[in-house]
């Protein structure tokens, strides 16, 4: 009795395509996290703050001055990278001014405690930042958030503060007299600090009153 031949079975792999509207989407590079180099540099600058403070209070002024220069260079580098290669982010916009303020306030406090700069200039610089932060917190608590964008006066104030701190650290590190440039820079810091906090206060009061009027 003749045996019936079995039909040949062809096993071919055919990729299954998801039906339209199934919600599947394959994106190249999905699951990979991009590390922002500017943010890493900014975090490194924040980590330098306690080391610089330690160097000042330990009278290691050469170390403090060198680290301050590194922090300043890193600030310029991360800003350049973020703009040149489109690496800007909300986290970076938050961390960068935070790093700058942490660095300057800490150095002014350390230099004031060490006796290198007048304590009244320390109080003035620190009080300005406390007032601005307090205004932002109050507006947030009242559900009236305000965005404090740096003005031209504020940028000049930061530049004057950096120059004054750098001059005083350099004079302590290399043993030269900072006069008369210390008086000039200290006067600029005073004028710009008072001017910037006044402008911020006026802008904040205008913002709060406008919101209440609505």
C-alpha atoms as a PDB file:
ATOM      1  CA  UNK A   1       0.000   0.000   0.000  1.00  0.00           C
ATOM      2  CA  UNK A   2       1.528   3.218  -1.064  1.00  0.00           C
ATOM      3  CA  UNK A   3       2.237   5.767   1.661  1.00  0.00           C
ATOM      4  CA  UNK A   4       0.928   9.233   1.125  1.00  0.00           C
ATOM      5  CA  UNK A   5       3.633  11.856   0.940  1.00  0.00           C
ATOM      6  CA  UNK A   6       3.474  14.502   3.622  1.00  0.00           C
ATOM      7  CA  UNK A   7       3.188  18.045   2.411  1.00  0.00           C
ATOM      8  CA  UNK A   8       6.369  19.986   2.822  1.00  0.00           C
ATOM      9  CA  UNK A   9       6.228  22.545   5.612  1.00  0.00           C
ATOM     10  CA  UNK A  10       8.047  25.737   4.898  1.00  0.00           C
ATOM     11  CA  UNK A  11       9.156  27.516   8.066  1.00  0.00           C
ATOM     12  CA  UNK A  12       9.941  31.066   7.285  1.00  0.00           C
ATOM     13  CA  UNK A  13      10.430  33.823   9.822  1.00  0.00           C
ATOM     14  CA  UNK A  14       8.260  36.763   9.127  1.00  0.00           C
ATOM     15  CA  UNK A  15       8.506  39.688  11.506  1.00  0.00           C
ATOM     16  CA  UNK A  16       5.184  40.566  13.002  1.00  0.00           C
ATOM     17  CA  UNK A  17       4.231  44.162  12.416  1.00  0.00           C
ATOM     18  CA  UNK A  18       2.082  45.765  15.080  1.00  0.00           C
ATOM     19  CA  UNK A  19      -1.296  46.876  13.843  1.00  0.00           C
ATOM     20  CA  UNK A  20      -1.864  50.506  13.180  1.00  0.00           C
ATOM     21  CA  UNK A  21      -2.900  52.430  16.243  1.00  0.00           C
ATOM     22  CA  UNK A  22      -1.472  49.816  18.626  1.00  0.00           C
ATOM     23  CA  UNK A  23       0.679  52.477  20.235  1.00  0.00           C
ATOM     24  CA  UNK A  24       4.051  50.831  19.626  1.00  0.00           C
ATOM     25  CA  UNK A  25       6.909  53.100  18.666  1.00  0.00           C
ATOM     26  CA  UNK A  26      10.557  52.212  18.274  1.00  0.00           C
ATOM     27  CA  UNK A  27      12.842  55.143  18.881  1.00  0.00           C
ATOM     28  CA  UNK A  28      16.566  54.948  18.230  1.00  0.00           C
ATOM     29  CA  UNK A  29      18.555  55.264  21.400  1.00  0.00           C
ATOM     30  CA  UNK A  30      15.530  54.676  23.621  1.00  0.00           C
ATOM     31  CA  UNK A  31      16.491  53.790  27.156  1.00  0.00           C
ATOM     32  CA  UNK A  32      19.836  55.574  26.961  1.00  0.00           C
ATOM     33  CA  UNK A  33      20.430  58.453  29.302  1.00  0.00           C
ATOM     34  CA  UNK A  34      22.408  61.412  28.172  1.00  0.00           C
ATOM     35  CA  UNK A  35      24.781  62.863  30.710  1.00  0.00           C
ATOM     36  CA  UNK A  36      25.085  66.627  30.472  1.00  0.00           C
ATOM     37  CA  UNK A  37      28.737  67.601  30.649  1.00  0.00           C
ATOM     38  CA  UNK A  38      27.985  71.236  31.653  1.00  0.00           C
ATOM     39  CA  UNK A  39      25.897  70.002  34.595  1.00  0.00           C
ATOM     40  CA  UNK A  40      28.716  67.705  35.711  1.00  0.00           C
ATOM     41  CA  UNK A  41      31.146  70.632  35.586  1.00  0.00           C
ATOM     42  CA  UNK A  42      28.713  72.765  37.592  1.00  0.00           C
ATOM     43  CA  UNK A  43      28.350  70.045  40.220  1.00  0.00           C
ATOM     44  CA  UNK A  44      32.134  69.867  40.407  1.00  0.00           C
ATOM     45  CA  UNK A  45      32.222  73.607  41.055  1.00  0.00           C
ATOM     46  CA  UNK A  46      29.766  73.164  43.920  1.00  0.00           C
ATOM     47  CA  UNK A  47      31.977  70.431  45.387  1.00  0.00           C
ATOM     48  CA  UNK A  48      34.925  72.850  45.303  1.00  0.00           C
ATOM     49  CA  UNK A  49      33.161  75.272  47.660  1.00  0.00           C
ATOM     50  CA  UNK A  50      33.873  73.483  50.986  1.00  0.00           C
ATOM     51  CA  UNK A  51      37.456  72.788  49.885  1.00  0.00           C
ATOM     52  CA  UNK A  52      38.072  76.479  49.159  1.00  0.00           C
ATOM     53  CA  UNK A  53      36.543  77.463  52.496  1.00  0.00           C
ATOM     54  CA  UNK A  54      38.755  74.918  54.273  1.00  0.00           C
ATOM     55  CA  UNK A  55      41.821  76.309  52.482  1.00  0.00           C
ATOM     56  CA  UNK A  56      40.988  79.867  53.581  1.00  0.00           C
ATOM     57  CA  UNK A  57      40.344  79.077  57.243  1.00  0.00           C
ATOM     58  CA  UNK A  58      43.490  76.899  57.251  1.00  0.00           C
ATOM     59  CA  UNK A  59      45.554  79.794  55.853  1.00  0.00           C
ATOM     60  CA  UNK A  60      46.305  77.832  52.669  1.00  0.00           C
ATOM     61  CA  UNK A  61      45.777  80.917  50.548  1.00  0.00           C
ATOM     62  CA  UNK A  62      47.723  79.672  47.528  1.00  0.00           C
ATOM     63  CA  UNK A  63      45.464  76.618  47.387  1.00  0.00           C
ATOM     64  CA  UNK A  64      42.352  78.747  47.887  1.00  0.00           C
ATOM     65  CA  UNK A  65      43.348  81.142  45.102  1.00  0.00           C
ATOM     66  CA  UNK A  66      44.186  78.310  42.681  1.00  0.00           C
ATOM     67  CA  UNK A  67      40.883  76.544  43.353  1.00  0.00           C
ATOM     68  CA  UNK A  68      39.016  79.829  42.966  1.00  0.00           C
ATOM     69  CA  UNK A  69      40.593  80.273  39.533  1.00  0.00           C
ATOM     70  CA  UNK A  70      39.628  76.717  38.598  1.00  0.00           C
ATOM     71  CA  UNK A  71      36.058  77.408  39.707  1.00  0.00           C
ATOM     72  CA  UNK A  72      35.963  80.566  37.604  1.00  0.00           C
ATOM     73  CA  UNK A  73      37.330  78.803  34.535  1.00  0.00           C
ATOM     74  CA  UNK A  74      34.854  75.944  34.974  1.00  0.00           C
ATOM     75  CA  UNK A  75      32.010  78.467  35.081  1.00  0.00           C
ATOM     76  CA  UNK A  76      33.097  79.862  31.718  1.00  0.00           C
ATOM     77  CA  UNK A  77      33.621  76.390  30.237  1.00  0.00           C
ATOM     78  CA  UNK A  78      30.233  74.953  31.209  1.00  0.00           C
ATOM     79  CA  UNK A  79      28.494  78.070  29.914  1.00  0.00           C
ATOM     80  CA  UNK A  80      30.336  77.819  26.587  1.00  0.00           C
ATOM     81  CA  UNK A  81      29.586  74.107  26.186  1.00  0.00           C
ATOM     82  CA  UNK A  82      25.915  74.553  27.056  1.00  0.00           C
ATOM     83  CA  UNK A  83      25.426  77.281  24.441  1.00  0.00           C
ATOM     84  CA  UNK A  84      27.799  76.000  21.750  1.00  0.00           C
ATOM     85  CA  UNK A  85      26.513  72.416  21.704  1.00  0.00           C
ATOM     86  CA  UNK A  86      22.917  73.114  22.744  1.00  0.00           C
ATOM     87  CA  UNK A  87      23.266  71.369  26.117  1.00  0.00           C
ATOM     88  CA  UNK A  88      21.121  73.815  28.045  1.00  0.00           C
ATOM     89  CA  UNK A  89      18.632  72.315  30.492  1.00  0.00           C
ATOM     90  CA  UNK A  90      16.302  73.332  33.293  1.00  0.00           C
ATOM     91  CA  UNK A  91      18.605  71.615  35.786  1.00  0.00           C
ATOM     92  CA  UNK A  92      21.566  73.564  34.488  1.00  0.00           C
ATOM     93  CA  UNK A  93      19.636  76.828  34.680  1.00  0.00           C
ATOM     94  CA  UNK A  94      19.004  76.048  38.348  1.00  0.00           C
ATOM     95  CA  UNK A  95      22.436  74.693  39.280  1.00  0.00           C
ATOM     96  CA  UNK A  96      24.599  77.353  37.624  1.00  0.00           C
ATOM     97  CA  UNK A  97      23.425  80.398  39.631  1.00  0.00           C
ATOM     98  CA  UNK A  98      23.235  78.209  42.740  1.00  0.00           C
ATOM     99  CA  UNK A  99      26.890  77.253  42.300  1.00  0.00           C
ATOM    100  CA  UNK A 100      27.905  80.882  41.752  1.00  0.00           C
ATOM    101  CA  UNK A 101      26.067  82.091  44.851  1.00  0.00           C
ATOM    102  CA  UNK A 102      27.316  79.232  47.010  1.00  0.00           C
ATOM    103  CA  UNK A 103      30.888  79.975  45.933  1.00  0.00           C
ATOM    104  CA  UNK A 104      30.781  83.744  46.439  1.00  0.00           C
ATOM    105  CA  UNK A 105      28.811  83.742  49.692  1.00  0.00           C
ATOM    106  CA  UNK A 106      31.052  81.053  51.190  1.00  0.00           C
ATOM    107  CA  UNK A 107      34.244  82.863  50.196  1.00  0.00           C
ATOM    108  CA  UNK A 108      33.005  86.192  51.556  1.00  0.00           C
ATOM    109  CA  UNK A 109      32.011  84.543  54.826  1.00  0.00           C
ATOM    110  CA  UNK A 110      35.375  82.791  55.108  1.00  0.00           C
ATOM    111  CA  UNK A 111      37.351  85.951  54.289  1.00  0.00           C
ATOM    112  CA  UNK A 112      35.243  87.922  56.768  1.00  0.00           C
ATOM    113  CA  UNK A 113      35.848  85.401  59.538  1.00  0.00           C
ATOM    114  CA  UNK A 114      39.544  85.332  58.684  1.00  0.00           C
ATOM    115  CA  UNK A 115      39.595  89.141  58.908  1.00  0.00           C
ATOM    116  CA  UNK A 116      40.703  89.784  55.335  1.00  0.00           C
ATOM    117  CA  UNK A 117      37.679  91.895  54.395  1.00  0.00           C
ATOM    118  CA  UNK A 118      35.360  94.116  56.464  1.00  0.00           C
ATOM    119  CA  UNK A 119      32.495  92.242  58.031  1.00  0.00           C
ATOM    120  CA  UNK A 120      29.972  94.859  56.960  1.00  0.00           C
ATOM    121  CA  UNK A 121      30.628  94.040  53.290  1.00  0.00           C
ATOM    122  CA  UNK A 122      30.049  90.367  54.128  1.00  0.00           C
ATOM    123  CA  UNK A 123      26.746  91.211  55.807  1.00  0.00           C
ATOM    124  CA  UNK A 124      25.729  93.343  52.820  1.00  0.00           C
ATOM    125  CA  UNK A 125      26.488  90.632  50.248  1.00  0.00           C
ATOM    126  CA  UNK A 126      24.871  87.817  52.228  1.00  0.00           C
ATOM    127  CA  UNK A 127      21.814  89.892  53.180  1.00  0.00           C
ATOM    128  CA  UNK A 128      21.119  90.706  49.535  1.00  0.00           C
ATOM    129  CA  UNK A 129      20.964  87.046  48.569  1.00  0.00           C
ATOM    130  CA  UNK A 130      18.865  86.183  51.617  1.00  0.00           C
ATOM    131  CA  UNK A 131      16.364  88.912  50.721  1.00  0.00           C
ATOM    132  CA  UNK A 132      16.063  87.700  47.127  1.00  0.00           C
ATOM    133  CA  UNK A 133      15.620  84.061  48.153  1.00  0.00           C
ATOM    134  CA  UNK A 134      13.063  85.092  50.779  1.00  0.00           C
ATOM    135  CA  UNK A 135      11.081  87.078  48.195  1.00  0.00           C
ATOM    136  CA  UNK A 136      10.987  84.072  45.862  1.00  0.00           C
ATOM    137  CA  UNK A 137       9.854  81.763  48.688  1.00  0.00           C
ATOM    138  CA  UNK A 138       7.137  84.181  49.831  1.00  0.00           C
ATOM    139  CA  UNK A 139       5.773  84.532  46.305  1.00  0.00           C
ATOM    140  CA  UNK A 140       5.753  80.748  45.983  1.00  0.00           C
ATOM    141  CA  UNK A 141       3.934  80.304  49.308  1.00  0.00           C
ATOM    142  CA  UNK A 142       1.244  82.712  48.131  1.00  0.00           C
ATOM    143  CA  UNK A 143       1.004  80.785  44.871  1.00  0.00           C
ATOM    144  CA  UNK A 144       2.346  83.806  43.000  1.00  0.00           C
ATOM    145  CA  UNK A 145       5.636  82.459  41.621  1.00  0.00           C
ATOM    146  CA  UNK A 146       8.024  85.043  40.285  1.00  0.00           C
ATOM    147  CA  UNK A 147      11.032  84.508  38.047  1.00  0.00           C
ATOM    148  CA  UNK A 148      14.018  86.577  39.113  1.00  0.00           C
ATOM    149  CA  UNK A 149      16.002  87.112  35.928  1.00  0.00           C
ATOM    150  CA  UNK A 150      19.463  88.625  36.366  1.00  0.00           C
ATOM    151  CA  UNK A 151      19.551  92.268  35.313  1.00  0.00           C
ATOM    152  CA  UNK A 152      22.538  94.140  33.900  1.00  0.00           C
ATOM    153  CA  UNK A 153      23.180  95.658  37.317  1.00  0.00           C
ATOM    154  CA  UNK A 154      23.071  92.201  38.874  1.00  0.00           C
ATOM    155  CA  UNK A 155      25.629  90.915  36.369  1.00  0.00           C
ATOM    156  CA  UNK A 156      27.879  93.884  37.098  1.00  0.00           C
ATOM    157  CA  UNK A 157      27.463  93.177  40.795  1.00  0.00           C
ATOM    158  CA  UNK A 158      28.543  89.562  40.341  1.00  0.00           C
ATOM    159  CA  UNK A 159      31.563  90.651  38.297  1.00  0.00           C
ATOM    160  CA  UNK A 160      32.576  93.158  40.984  1.00  0.00           C
ATOM    161  CA  UNK A 161      32.166  90.557  43.739  1.00  0.00           C
ATOM    162  CA  UNK A 162      34.285  88.040  41.845  1.00  0.00           C
ATOM    163  CA  UNK A 163      37.000  90.622  41.132  1.00  0.00           C
ATOM    164  CA  UNK A 164      37.103  91.768  44.766  1.00  0.00           C
ATOM    165  CA  UNK A 165      37.304  88.204  46.104  1.00  0.00           C
ATOM    166  CA  UNK A 166      40.009  87.297  43.570  1.00  0.00           C
ATOM    167  CA  UNK A 167      42.057  90.385  44.466  1.00  0.00           C
ATOM    168  CA  UNK A 168      41.910  89.705  48.198  1.00  0.00           C
ATOM    169  CA  UNK A 169      42.759  86.013  47.780  1.00  0.00           C
ATOM    170  CA  UNK A 170      45.666  86.883  45.479  1.00  0.00           C
ATOM    171  CA  UNK A 171      47.015  89.481  47.921  1.00  0.00           C
ATOM    172  CA  UNK A 172      46.915  86.937  50.742  1.00  0.00           C
ATOM    173  CA  UNK A 173      48.435  84.205  48.585  1.00  0.00           C
ATOM    174  CA  UNK A 174      51.314  86.239  47.132  1.00  0.00           C
ATOM    175  CA  UNK A 175      51.803  88.808  49.889  1.00  0.00           C
ATOM    176  CA  UNK A 176      51.205  92.107  48.070  1.00  0.00           C
ATOM    177  CA  UNK A 177      49.164  95.088  49.198  1.00  0.00           C
ATOM    178  CA  UNK A 178      45.820  95.313  47.380  1.00  0.00           C
ATOM    179  CA  UNK A 179      45.435  99.086  47.889  1.00  0.00           C
ATOM    180  CA  UNK A 180      44.017 101.129  46.280  1.00  0.00           C
ATOM    181  CA  UNK A 181      42.223  98.573  44.115  1.00  0.00           C
ATOM    182  CA  UNK A 182      40.553  96.911  47.089  1.00  0.00           C
ATOM    183  CA  UNK A 183      38.836 100.168  48.033  1.00  0.00           C
ATOM    184  CA  UNK A 184      37.693 100.715  44.447  1.00  0.00           C
ATOM    185  CA  UNK A 185      36.286  97.205  44.073  1.00  0.00           C
ATOM    186  CA  UNK A 186      34.709  97.268  47.520  1.00  0.00           C
ATOM    187  CA  UNK A 187      32.967 100.521  46.610  1.00  0.00           C
ATOM    188  CA  UNK A 188      31.693  98.983  43.367  1.00  0.00           C
ATOM    189  CA  UNK A 189      30.422  95.928  45.232  1.00  0.00           C
ATOM    190  CA  UNK A 190      28.585  98.183  47.665  1.00  0.00           C
ATOM    191  CA  UNK A 191      26.965 100.326  44.960  1.00  0.00           C
ATOM    192  CA  UNK A 192      25.985  97.417  42.715  1.00  0.00           C
ATOM    193  CA  UNK A 193      24.706  95.312  45.613  1.00  0.00           C
ATOM    194  CA  UNK A 194      22.424  98.059  46.898  1.00  0.00           C
ATOM    195  CA  UNK A 195      21.282  98.954  43.374  1.00  0.00           C
ATOM    196  CA  UNK A 196      20.518  95.371  42.361  1.00  0.00           C
ATOM    197  CA  UNK A 197      18.594  94.492  45.509  1.00  0.00           C
ATOM    198  CA  UNK A 198      16.576  97.708  45.142  1.00  0.00           C
ATOM    199  CA  UNK A 199      15.679  96.848  41.547  1.00  0.00           C
ATOM    200  CA  UNK A 200      14.735  93.295  42.512  1.00  0.00           C
ATOM    201  CA  UNK A 201      12.589  94.575  45.381  1.00  0.00           C
ATOM    202  CA  UNK A 202      10.745  97.078  43.166  1.00  0.00           C
ATOM    203  CA  UNK A 203      10.139  94.399  40.526  1.00  0.00           C
ATOM    204  CA  UNK A 204       8.914  91.928  43.148  1.00  0.00           C
ATOM    205  CA  UNK A 205       6.517  94.436  44.724  1.00  0.00           C
ATOM    206  CA  UNK A 206       5.176  95.360  41.285  1.00  0.00           C
ATOM    207  CA  UNK A 207       4.650  91.685  40.492  1.00  0.00           C
ATOM    208  CA  UNK A 208       2.824  90.966  43.744  1.00  0.00           C
ATOM    209  CA  UNK A 209       0.609  94.061  43.501  1.00  0.00           C
ATOM    210  CA  UNK A 210      -0.298  93.305  39.885  1.00  0.00           C
ATOM    211  CA  UNK A 211      -1.319  89.770  40.778  1.00  0.00           C
ATOM    212  CA  UNK A 212      -3.423  90.962  43.700  1.00  0.00           C
ATOM    213  CA  UNK A 213      -5.153  93.561  41.516  1.00  0.00           C
ATOM    214  CA  UNK A 214      -6.289  90.843  39.134  1.00  0.00           C
END
